[in-house]
Structure formats: structure tokens, C-alpha cells
Protein backbone atom coordinates (compact mmCIF):
# COMPACT_ATOMS: atom_id res chain seq x y z
CA MET A 1 -5.75 -6.11 -16.87
CA THR A 2 -2.22 -5.77 -18.08
CA ALA A 3 0.05 -8.09 -19.98
CA ALA A 4 2.36 -8.23 -16.96
CA TYR A 5 -0.50 -9.44 -14.77
CA PHE A 6 -1.36 -12.20 -17.21
CA ALA A 7 2.29 -13.19 -17.50
CA ASN A 8 2.53 -13.45 -13.72
CA ARG A 9 -0.63 -15.56 -13.63
CA LEU A 10 0.78 -17.90 -16.27
CA GLU A 11 3.85 -18.33 -14.05
CA GLY A 12 1.63 -19.38 -11.16
CA SER A 13 1.02 -16.17 -9.22
CA ALA A 14 -2.15 -15.94 -7.18
CA VAL A 15 -5.17 -14.05 -8.47
CA PHE A 16 -5.03 -10.36 -7.58
CA ASN A 17 -7.85 -9.38 -5.24
CA ALA A 18 -8.00 -5.63 -4.72
CA GLY A 19 -10.86 -6.00 -2.27
CA ASN A 20 -12.42 -2.92 -0.81
CA PRO A 21 -10.13 -0.26 0.62
CA GLU A 22 -10.64 0.82 4.19
CA PRO A 23 -12.80 3.91 4.55
CA GLY A 24 -10.85 7.09 4.06
CA LEU A 25 -10.85 10.21 6.16
CA SER A 26 -13.32 13.06 6.11
CA GLY A 27 -12.06 16.49 5.09
CA ASP A 28 -11.71 17.57 8.73
CA GLN A 29 -9.91 14.34 9.65
CA MET A 30 -7.57 14.83 6.69
CA LYS A 31 -6.74 18.34 7.89
CA THR A 32 -5.99 16.97 11.36
CA LEU A 33 -3.76 14.31 9.81
CA GLN A 34 -1.96 16.92 7.70
CA ARG A 35 -1.35 19.09 10.78
CA LYS A 36 0.06 16.13 12.70
CA LEU A 37 2.30 15.12 9.81
CA GLN A 38 3.49 18.70 9.40
CA ALA A 39 4.29 18.87 13.14
CA MET A 40 6.37 15.70 12.65
CA GLY A 41 8.42 17.52 10.01
CA TYR A 42 6.78 16.27 6.81
CA ASP A 43 6.06 18.61 3.94
CA VAL A 44 2.40 17.97 3.17
CA GLY A 45 1.89 21.22 1.31
CA GLU A 46 -1.17 23.28 2.15
CA ILE A 47 -3.38 22.10 5.02
CA ASP A 48 -6.47 21.73 2.85
CA GLY A 49 -8.00 18.34 3.66
CA ILE A 50 -7.07 16.97 0.24
CA LEU A 51 -4.90 13.89 -0.24
CA GLY A 52 -2.20 15.32 -2.48
CA SER A 53 1.18 13.89 -3.36
CA GLY A 54 2.96 15.44 -0.35
CA THR A 55 0.42 14.07 2.11
CA ARG A 56 0.41 10.68 0.40
CA HIS A 57 4.22 10.47 0.58
CA ALA A 58 4.20 11.46 4.27
CA VAL A 59 1.49 8.92 5.04
CA GLN A 60 3.51 6.16 3.38
CA GLU A 61 6.65 7.07 5.31
CA VAL A 62 4.79 7.14 8.63
CA GLN A 63 3.11 3.83 7.85
CA LYS A 64 6.55 2.28 7.30
CA LYS A 65 7.83 3.67 10.61
CA LEU A 66 4.78 2.32 12.45
CA GLY A 67 5.03 -1.12 10.87
CA MET A 68 1.75 -0.70 9.02
CA PRO A 69 1.13 -1.65 5.39
CA ALA A 70 2.73 1.23 3.47
CA ASP A 71 -0.02 1.76 0.93
CA ALA A 72 -0.17 5.57 1.35
CA TRP A 73 -3.91 5.36 2.11
CA PRO A 74 -4.76 7.43 5.20
CA THR A 75 -7.25 5.71 7.49
CA PRO A 76 -8.81 6.45 10.86
CA ALA A 77 -6.52 3.77 12.34
CA LEU A 78 -3.45 5.69 11.16
CA LEU A 79 -4.82 8.97 12.47
CA ASN A 80 -5.48 7.33 15.86
CA ARG A 81 -1.90 6.04 16.04
CA LEU A 82 -0.52 9.52 15.57
């Protein structure tokens, strides 16, 4: 934990619960997502099935536009909405 976290807790902030992230995408699903994002005009870099910085940034922007939590984590639910 960080000093900032402890300072926030001392000020009355709730306990941070990271929980378990939603399952991610398979390599093939990630490639499909990257192709869809690229077709929407986002620069995701190479279509390689790897969650790199370009894909993560595009995912976050699309999540914002769709009114989803903008955590930059690609999920099957996001892929289905595209």
C-alpha cells in the first residue's frame, strides 16, 4: 500500500477493494477487437492480439463513448457492444 492510500483512509475514505477483474479476451478475440477499433479510426498498432498501449487507449476511449466504466480493460461485453 502507498502512503497516499493510508492518508486517504485516515481522512475517512472507504477501504479499496480491487476485487477480481472481469475475464479478459482470448488472443483471437483481442485481434477481432483490434480490427474493430482500427475500423473505427483508432490507432491500435499491429493487429497482434496483445493488449498494448494503443489498444488500451482505444478501449478506454470507446468505453467512455459507450457509457461503460473507462478502465481500459477489454472484456467480452465490450467486444459484443462493438
